[in-house]
Amino acid sequence: MEVRLSYIEIYNEQIRDMLSKKSNSKGLNIVEDPEKGHYVKNVTEIEIKGSKKARELIELGNSRRTMAATLANQYSSRSHAIA
């Protein structure tokens, strides 16, 4: 069985690839395919072979999320993320 992981952030109506090696990974699109269903086109997908690698990738994605201060919290995530 093959397991692949991707991690995206949605912020200000933009989809950003959190695992991309490119510094500017915005502008991805959600597309619909009759066989695949809905998916994010051109998103980075990394094959994982254990929970350790999955945890590392999720931590990497978390560290790249958009953060900004709010009245209630100095370090608040300003986005929605999906791994």
PDB file of N, CA and C in Angstrom:
ATOM      1  N   MET A   1       0.832  -1.178   0.000  1.00  0.00           N
ATOM      2  CA  MET A   1       0.000   0.000   0.000  1.00  0.00           C
ATOM      3  C   MET A   1       0.880   1.245   0.000  1.00  0.00           C
ATOM      4  N   GLU A   2       0.537   2.197  -0.817  1.00  0.00           N
ATOM      5  CA  GLU A   2       1.281   3.455  -0.893  1.00  0.00           C
ATOM      6  C   GLU A   2       0.473   4.554  -0.206  1.00  0.00           C
ATOM      7  N   VAL A   3       1.134   5.311   0.673  1.00  0.00           N
ATOM      8  CA  VAL A   3       0.495   6.434   1.353  1.00  0.00           C
ATOM      9  C   VAL A   3       1.281   7.688   1.003  1.00  0.00           C
ATOM     10  N   ARG A   4       0.565   8.717   0.555  1.00  0.00           N
ATOM     11  CA  ARG A   4       1.188   9.982   0.188  1.00  0.00           C
ATOM     12  C   ARG A   4       0.561  11.089   1.023  1.00  0.00           C
ATOM     13  N   LEU A   5       1.374  12.084   1.379  1.00  0.00           N
ATOM     14  CA  LEU A   5       0.901  13.177   2.211  1.00  0.00           C
ATOM     15  C   LEU A   5       1.121  14.502   1.502  1.00  0.00           C
ATOM     16  N   SER A   6       0.132  15.356   1.556  1.00  0.00           N
ATOM     17  CA  SER A   6       0.254  16.734   1.091  1.00  0.00           C
ATOM     18  C   SER A   6      -0.294  17.619   2.202  1.00  0.00           C
ATOM     19  N   TYR A   7       0.043  18.894   2.156  1.00  0.00           N
ATOM     20  CA  TYR A   7      -0.381  19.820   3.211  1.00  0.00           C
ATOM     21  C   TYR A   7      -0.621  21.164   2.554  1.00  0.00           C
ATOM     22  N   ILE A   8      -1.844  21.666   2.653  1.00  0.00           N
ATOM     23  CA  ILE A   8      -2.172  22.966   2.062  1.00  0.00           C
ATOM     24  C   ILE A   8      -2.705  23.912   3.124  1.00  0.00           C
ATOM     25  N   GLU A   9      -2.566  25.190   2.838  1.00  0.00           N
ATOM     26  CA  GLU A   9      -3.114  26.254   3.666  1.00  0.00           C
ATOM     27  C   GLU A   9      -4.047  27.074   2.788  1.00  0.00           C
ATOM     28  N   ILE A  10      -5.185  27.455   3.343  1.00  0.00           N
ATOM     29  CA  ILE A  10      -6.092  28.363   2.644  1.00  0.00           C
ATOM     30  C   ILE A  10      -6.129  29.654   3.441  1.00  0.00           C
ATOM     31  N   TYR A  11      -5.665  30.729   2.822  1.00  0.00           N
ATOM     32  CA  TYR A  11      -5.578  32.024   3.482  1.00  0.00           C
ATOM     33  C   TYR A  11      -5.929  33.107   2.467  1.00  0.00           C
ATOM     34  N   ASN A  12      -6.854  33.988   2.822  1.00  0.00           N
ATOM     35  CA  ASN A  12      -7.308  35.042   1.906  1.00  0.00           C
ATOM     36  C   ASN A  12      -7.702  34.474   0.547  1.00  0.00           C
ATOM     37  N   GLU A  13      -8.407  33.366   0.569  1.00  0.00           N
ATOM     38  CA  GLU A  13      -8.918  32.708  -0.631  1.00  0.00           C
ATOM     39  C   GLU A  13      -7.818  32.216  -1.572  1.00  0.00           C
ATOM     40  N   GLN A  14      -6.610  32.079  -1.085  1.00  0.00           N
ATOM     41  CA  GLN A  14      -5.486  31.537  -1.851  1.00  0.00           C
ATOM     42  C   GLN A  14      -5.090  30.185  -1.256  1.00  0.00           C
ATOM     43  N   ILE A  15      -4.770  29.236  -2.112  1.00  0.00           N
ATOM     44  CA  ILE A  15      -4.311  27.915  -1.669  1.00  0.00           C
ATOM     45  C   ILE A  15      -2.796  27.894  -1.783  1.00  0.00           C
ATOM     46  N   ARG A  16      -2.130  27.525  -0.696  1.00  0.00           N
ATOM     47  CA  ARG A  16      -0.667  27.509  -0.655  1.00  0.00           C
ATOM     48  C   ARG A  16      -0.180  26.111  -0.299  1.00  0.00           C
ATOM     49  N   ASP A  17       0.809  25.626  -1.014  1.00  0.00           N
ATOM     50  CA  ASP A  17       1.423  24.310  -0.799  1.00  0.00           C
ATOM     51  C   ASP A  17       2.462  24.437   0.312  1.00  0.00           C
ATOM     52  N   MET A  18       2.200  23.835   1.458  1.00  0.00           N
ATOM     53  CA  MET A  18       3.073  23.978   2.620  1.00  0.00           C
ATOM     54  C   MET A  18       4.302  23.069   2.572  1.00  0.00           C
ATOM     55  N   LEU A  19       4.351  22.130   1.642  1.00  0.00           N
ATOM     56  CA  LEU A  19       5.499  21.226   1.531  1.00  0.00           C
ATOM     57  C   LEU A  19       6.360  21.509   0.305  1.00  0.00           C
ATOM     58  N   SER A  20       6.001  22.527  -0.454  1.00  0.00           N
ATOM     59  CA  SER A  20       6.752  22.873  -1.655  1.00  0.00           C
ATOM     60  C   SER A  20       8.125  23.434  -1.297  1.00  0.00           C
ATOM     61  N   LYS A  21       9.112  23.122  -2.100  1.00  0.00           N
ATOM     62  CA  LYS A  21      10.456  23.671  -1.898  1.00  0.00           C
ATOM     63  C   LYS A  21      10.580  25.073  -2.487  1.00  0.00           C
ATOM     64  N   LYS A  22       9.583  25.505  -3.264  1.00  0.00           N
ATOM     65  CA  LYS A  22       9.573  26.852  -3.827  1.00  0.00           C
ATOM     66  C   LYS A  22       9.123  27.834  -2.762  1.00  0.00           C
ATOM     67  N   SER A  23       9.711  29.018  -2.732  1.00  0.00           N
ATOM     68  CA  SER A  23       9.355  30.000  -1.709  1.00  0.00           C
ATOM     69  C   SER A  23       7.959  30.575  -1.921  1.00  0.00           C
ATOM     70  N   ASN A  24       7.521  30.684  -3.168  1.00  0.00           N
ATOM     71  CA  ASN A  24       6.182  31.206  -3.442  1.00  0.00           C
ATOM     72  C   ASN A  24       5.349  30.080  -4.028  1.00  0.00           C
ATOM     73  N   SER A  25       4.534  29.464  -3.219  1.00  0.00           N
ATOM     74  CA  SER A  25       3.759  28.314  -3.670  1.00  0.00           C
ATOM     75  C   SER A  25       2.264  28.610  -3.677  1.00  0.00           C
ATOM     76  N   LYS A  26       1.908  29.866  -3.900  1.00  0.00           N
ATOM     77  CA  LYS A  26       0.498  30.261  -3.921  1.00  0.00           C
ATOM     78  C   LYS A  26      -0.086  30.045  -5.309  1.00  0.00           C
ATOM     79  N   GLY A  27      -1.397  30.160  -5.394  1.00  0.00           N
ATOM     80  CA  GLY A  27      -2.064  30.127  -6.691  1.00  0.00           C
ATOM     81  C   GLY A  27      -2.460  28.744  -7.160  1.00  0.00           C
ATOM     82  N   LEU A  28      -2.504  27.777  -6.261  1.00  0.00           N
ATOM     83  CA  LEU A  28      -2.969  26.452  -6.642  1.00  0.00           C
ATOM     84  C   LEU A  28      -4.483  26.477  -6.789  1.00  0.00           C
ATOM     85  N   ASN A  29      -5.007  25.526  -7.546  1.00  0.00           N
ATOM     86  CA  ASN A  29      -6.440  25.483  -7.797  1.00  0.00           C
ATOM     87  C   ASN A  29      -7.026  24.132  -7.437  1.00  0.00           C
ATOM     88  N   ILE A  30      -8.269  24.151  -6.987  1.00  0.00           N
ATOM     89  CA  ILE A  30      -9.019  22.915  -6.769  1.00  0.00           C
ATOM     90  C   ILE A  30      -9.699  22.584  -8.082  1.00  0.00           C
ATOM     91  N   VAL A  31      -9.521  21.353  -8.530  1.00  0.00           N
ATOM     92  CA  VAL A  31     -10.134  20.902  -9.781  1.00  0.00           C
ATOM     93  C   VAL A  31     -10.958  19.649  -9.503  1.00  0.00           C
ATOM     94  N   GLU A  32     -11.831  19.336 -10.444  1.00  0.00           N
ATOM     95  CA  GLU A  32     -12.667  18.148 -10.317  1.00  0.00           C
ATOM     96  C   GLU A  32     -12.374  17.211 -11.473  1.00  0.00           C
ATOM     97  N   ASP A  33     -12.190  15.947 -11.162  1.00  0.00           N
ATOM     98  CA  ASP A  33     -11.928  14.911 -12.148  1.00  0.00           C
ATOM     99  C   ASP A  33     -12.975  13.814 -11.954  1.00  0.00           C
ATOM    100  N   PRO A  34     -13.551  13.279 -13.039  1.00  0.00           N
ATOM    101  CA  PRO A  34     -14.581  12.247 -12.891  1.00  0.00           C
ATOM    102  C   PRO A  34     -14.099  11.005 -12.127  1.00  0.00           C
ATOM    103  N   GLU A  35     -12.812  10.691 -12.236  1.00  0.00           N
ATOM    104  CA  GLU A  35     -12.275   9.495 -11.562  1.00  0.00           C
ATOM    105  C   GLU A  35     -11.679   9.814 -10.193  1.00  0.00           C
ATOM    106  N   LYS A  36     -10.931  10.916 -10.074  1.00  0.00           N
ATOM    107  CA  LYS A  36     -10.272  11.282  -8.820  1.00  0.00           C
ATOM    108  C   LYS A  36     -11.176  12.026  -7.853  1.00  0.00           C
ATOM    109  N   GLY A  37     -12.170  12.700  -8.372  1.00  0.00           N
ATOM    110  CA  GLY A  37     -12.985  13.589  -7.543  1.00  0.00           C
ATOM    111  C   GLY A  37     -12.325  14.953  -7.470  1.00  0.00           C
ATOM    112  N   HIS A  38     -12.518  15.666  -6.388  1.00  0.00           N
ATOM    113  CA  HIS A  38     -11.915  16.985  -6.202  1.00  0.00           C
ATOM    114  C   HIS A  38     -10.510  16.825  -5.641  1.00  0.00           C
ATOM    115  N   TYR A  39      -9.570  17.629  -6.147  1.00  0.00           N
ATOM    116  CA  TYR A  39      -8.197  17.609  -5.646  1.00  0.00           C
ATOM    117  C   TYR A  39      -7.511  18.924  -5.975  1.00  0.00           C
ATOM    118  N   VAL A  40      -6.379  19.166  -5.322  1.00  0.00           N
ATOM    119  CA  VAL A  40      -5.598  20.371  -5.573  1.00  0.00           C
ATOM    120  C   VAL A  40      -4.568  20.047  -6.642  1.00  0.00           C
ATOM    121  N   LYS A  41      -4.669  20.725  -7.771  1.00  0.00           N
ATOM    122  CA  LYS A  41      -3.790  20.480  -8.909  1.00  0.00           C
ATOM    123  C   LYS A  41      -2.379  20.988  -8.607  1.00  0.00           C
ATOM    124  N   ASN A  42      -1.378  20.180  -8.918  1.00  0.00           N
ATOM    125  CA  ASN A  42       0.048  20.489  -8.786  1.00  0.00           C
ATOM    126  C   ASN A  42       0.533  20.627  -7.345  1.00  0.00           C
ATOM    127  N   VAL A  43      -0.192  20.082  -6.385  1.00  0.00           N
ATOM    128  CA  VAL A  43       0.260  20.127  -4.996  1.00  0.00           C
ATOM    129  C   VAL A  43       1.369  19.081  -4.801  1.00  0.00           C
ATOM    130  N   THR A  44       2.308  19.383  -3.910  1.00  0.00           N
ATOM    131  CA  THR A  44       3.371  18.441  -3.586  1.00  0.00           C
ATOM    132  C   THR A  44       2.777  17.260  -2.829  1.00  0.00           C
ATOM    133  N   GLU A  45       3.098  16.049  -3.269  1.00  0.00           N
ATOM    134  CA  GLU A  45       2.692  14.828  -2.571  1.00  0.00           C
ATOM    135  C   GLU A  45       3.950  14.033  -2.268  1.00  0.00           C
ATOM    136  N   ILE A  46       4.135  13.682  -1.000  1.00  0.00           N
ATOM    137  CA  ILE A  46       5.338  12.958  -0.591  1.00  0.00           C
ATOM    138  C   ILE A  46       4.923  11.597  -0.057  1.00  0.00           C
ATOM    139  N   GLU A  47       5.549  10.548  -0.600  1.00  0.00           N
ATOM    140  CA  GLU A  47       5.269   9.192  -0.119  1.00  0.00           C
ATOM    141  C   GLU A  47       5.847   9.031   1.285  1.00  0.00           C
ATOM    142  N   ILE A  48       5.040   8.483   2.169  1.00  0.00           N
ATOM    143  CA  ILE A  48       5.511   8.247   3.535  1.00  0.00           C
ATOM    144  C   ILE A  48       5.440   6.756   3.835  1.00  0.00           C
ATOM    145  N   LYS A  49       6.385   6.308   4.665  1.00  0.00           N
ATOM    146  CA  LYS A  49       6.443   4.892   5.003  1.00  0.00           C
ATOM    147  C   LYS A  49       6.344   4.661   6.500  1.00  0.00           C
ATOM    148  N   GLY A  50       5.862   5.657   7.224  1.00  0.00           N
ATOM    149  CA  GLY A  50       5.700   5.484   8.662  1.00  0.00           C
ATOM    150  C   GLY A  50       5.217   6.754   9.316  1.00  0.00           C
ATOM    151  N   SER A  51       4.786   6.613  10.564  1.00  0.00           N
ATOM    152  CA  SER A  51       4.231   7.756  11.279  1.00  0.00           C
ATOM    153  C   SER A  51       5.282   8.819  11.578  1.00  0.00           C
ATOM    154  N   LYS A  52       6.548   8.420  11.721  1.00  0.00           N
ATOM    155  CA  LYS A  52       7.609   9.394  12.004  1.00  0.00           C
ATOM    156  C   LYS A  52       7.726  10.403  10.856  1.00  0.00           C
ATOM    157  N   LYS A  53       7.741   9.908   9.614  1.00  0.00           N
ATOM    158  CA  LYS A  53       7.845  10.790   8.448  1.00  0.00           C
ATOM    159  C   LYS A  53       6.601  11.668   8.332  1.00  0.00           C
ATOM    160  N   ALA A  54       5.435  11.105   8.586  1.00  0.00           N
ATOM    161  CA  ALA A  54       4.203  11.895   8.535  1.00  0.00           C
ATOM    162  C   ALA A  54       4.262  13.022   9.558  1.00  0.00           C
ATOM    163  N   ARG A  55       4.695  12.718  10.760  1.00  0.00           N
ATOM    164  CA  ARG A  55       4.800  13.727  11.817  1.00  0.00           C
ATOM    165  C   ARG A  55       5.783  14.822  11.420  1.00  0.00           C
ATOM    166  N   GLU A  56       6.932  14.449  10.830  1.00  0.00           N
ATOM    167  CA  GLU A  56       7.934  15.437  10.391  1.00  0.00           C
ATOM    168  C   GLU A  56       7.344  16.388   9.346  1.00  0.00           C
ATOM    169  N   LEU A  57       6.605  15.838   8.387  1.00  0.00           N
ATOM    170  CA  LEU A  57       6.026  16.667   7.327  1.00  0.00           C
ATOM    171  C   LEU A  57       4.935  17.583   7.864  1.00  0.00           C
ATOM    172  N   ILE A  58       4.128  17.088   8.779  1.00  0.00           N
ATOM    173  CA  ILE A  58       3.087  17.930   9.368  1.00  0.00           C
ATOM    174  C   ILE A  58       3.719  19.047  10.186  1.00  0.00           C
ATOM    175  N   GLU A  59       4.778  18.747  10.928  1.00  0.00           N
ATOM    176  CA  GLU A  59       5.478  19.793  11.691  1.00  0.00           C
ATOM    177  C   GLU A  59       6.096  20.829  10.758  1.00  0.00           C
ATOM    178  N   LEU A  60       6.654  20.380   9.616  1.00  0.00           N
ATOM    179  CA  LEU A  60       7.206  21.311   8.631  1.00  0.00           C
ATOM    180  C   LEU A  60       6.099  22.224   8.103  1.00  0.00           C
ATOM    181  N   GLY A  61       4.977  21.640   7.715  1.00  0.00           N
ATOM    182  CA  GLY A  61       3.854  22.436   7.226  1.00  0.00           C
ATOM    183  C   GLY A  61       3.349  23.411   8.271  1.00  0.00           C
ATOM    184  N   ASN A  62       3.244  22.952   9.518  1.00  0.00           N
ATOM    185  CA  ASN A  62       2.793  23.833  10.602  1.00  0.00           C
ATOM    186  C   ASN A  62       3.726  25.023  10.767  1.00  0.00           C
ATOM    187  N   SER A  63       5.022  24.791  10.637  1.00  0.00           N
ATOM    188  CA  SER A  63       5.994  25.876  10.830  1.00  0.00           C
ATOM    189  C   SER A  63       5.920  26.928   9.727  1.00  0.00           C
ATOM    190  N   ARG A  64       5.330  26.589   8.604  1.00  0.00           N
ATOM    191  CA  ARG A  64       5.236  27.506   7.473  1.00  0.00           C
ATOM    192  C   ARG A  64       3.892  28.236   7.383  1.00  0.00           C
ATOM    193  N   ARG A  65       2.979  27.945   8.293  1.00  0.00           N
ATOM    194  CA  ARG A  65       1.654  28.561   8.237  1.00  0.00           C
ATOM    195  C   ARG A  65       1.720  30.059   8.478  1.00  0.00           C
ATOM    196  N   THR A  66       0.751  30.769   7.916  1.00  0.00           N
ATOM    197  CA  THR A  66       0.646  32.216   8.081  1.00  0.00           C
ATOM    198  C   THR A  66       0.189  32.517   9.506  1.00  0.00           C
ATOM    199  N   MET A  67       0.962  33.356  10.191  1.00  0.00           N
ATOM    200  CA  MET A  67       0.649  33.732  11.570  1.00  0.00           C
ATOM    201  C   MET A  67       0.644  35.257  11.669  1.00  0.00           C
ATOM    202  N   ALA A  68      -0.216  35.769  12.548  1.00  0.00           N
ATOM    203  CA  ALA A  68      -0.266  37.209  12.803  1.00  0.00           C
ATOM    204  C   ALA A  68      -0.954  37.436  14.140  1.00  0.00           C
ATOM    205  N   ALA A  69      -0.686  38.571  14.708  1.00  0.00           N
ATOM    206  CA  ALA A  69      -1.282  38.905  16.003  1.00  0.00           C
ATOM    207  C   ALA A  69      -2.757  39.270  15.839  1.00  0.00           C
ATOM    208  N   THR A  70      -3.540  38.902  16.852  1.00  0.00           N
ATOM    209  CA  THR A  70      -4.930  39.335  16.952  1.00  0.00           C
ATOM    210  C   THR A  70      -5.099  39.984  18.319  1.00  0.00           C
ATOM    211  N   LEU A  71      -6.253  40.533  18.569  1.00  0.00           N
ATOM    212  CA  LEU A  71      -6.508  41.136  19.884  1.00  0.00           C
ATOM    213  C   LEU A  71      -6.459  40.083  20.996  1.00  0.00           C
ATOM    214  N   ALA A  72      -6.816  38.851  20.678  1.00  0.00           N
ATOM    215  CA  ALA A  72      -6.884  37.797  21.687  1.00  0.00           C
ATOM    216  C   ALA A  72      -5.598  36.983  21.805  1.00  0.00           C
ATOM    217  N   ASN A  73      -4.782  36.970  20.761  1.00  0.00           N
ATOM    218  CA  ASN A  73      -3.635  36.067  20.739  1.00  0.00           C
ATOM    219  C   ASN A  73      -2.507  36.692  19.918  1.00  0.00           C
ATOM    220  N   GLN A  74      -1.316  36.734  20.479  1.00  0.00           N
ATOM    221  CA  GLN A  74      -0.179  37.346  19.781  1.00  0.00           C
ATOM    222  C   GLN A  74       0.263  36.516  18.567  1.00  0.00           C
ATOM    223  N   TYR A  75       0.173  35.200  18.658  1.00  0.00           N
ATOM    224  CA  TYR A  75       0.616  34.312  17.574  1.00  0.00           C
ATOM    225  C   TYR A  75      -0.544  33.436  17.129  1.00  0.00           C
ATOM    226  N   SER A  76      -1.440  33.995  16.361  1.00  0.00           N
ATOM    227  CA  SER A  76      -2.629  33.284  15.931  1.00  0.00           C
ATOM    228  C   SER A  76      -2.499  32.875  14.477  1.00  0.00           C
ATOM    229  N   SER A  77      -2.911  31.647  14.187  1.00  0.00           N
ATOM    230  CA  SER A  77      -2.937  31.213  12.794  1.00  0.00           C
ATOM    231  C   SER A  77      -4.031  31.991  12.086  1.00  0.00           C
ATOM    232  N   ARG A  78      -3.728  32.466  10.916  1.00  0.00           N
ATOM    233  CA  ARG A  78      -4.674  33.269  10.163  1.00  0.00           C
ATOM    234  C   ARG A  78      -5.248  32.472   8.982  1.00  0.00           C
ATOM    235  N   SER A  79      -5.148  31.160   9.045  1.00  0.00           N
ATOM    236  CA  SER A  79      -5.546  30.349   7.893  1.00  0.00           C
ATOM    237  C   SER A  79      -6.218  29.060   8.348  1.00  0.00           C
ATOM    238  N   HIS A  80      -6.657  28.314   7.353  1.00  0.00           N
ATOM    239  CA  HIS A  80      -7.138  26.943   7.551  1.00  0.00           C
ATOM    240  C   HIS A  80      -6.124  26.042   6.881  1.00  0.00           C
ATOM    241  N   ALA A  81      -5.797  24.933   7.510  1.00  0.00           N
ATOM    242  CA  ALA A  81      -4.806  24.020   6.945  1.00  0.00           C
ATOM    243  C   ALA A  81      -5.387  22.606   6.858  1.00  0.00           C
ATOM    244  N   ILE A  82      -4.965  21.879   5.823  1.00  0.00           N
ATOM    245  CA  ILE A  82      -5.413  20.512   5.606  1.00  0.00           C
ATOM    246  C   ILE A  82      -4.192  19.678   5.255  1.00  0.00           C
ATOM    247  N   ALA A  83      -3.981  18.604   6.020  1.00  0.00           N
ATOM    248  CA  ALA A  83      -2.876  17.681   5.717  1.00  0.00           C
ATOM    249  C   ALA A  83      -3.461  16.367   5.275  1.00  0.00           C
TER     250      ALA A  83
END
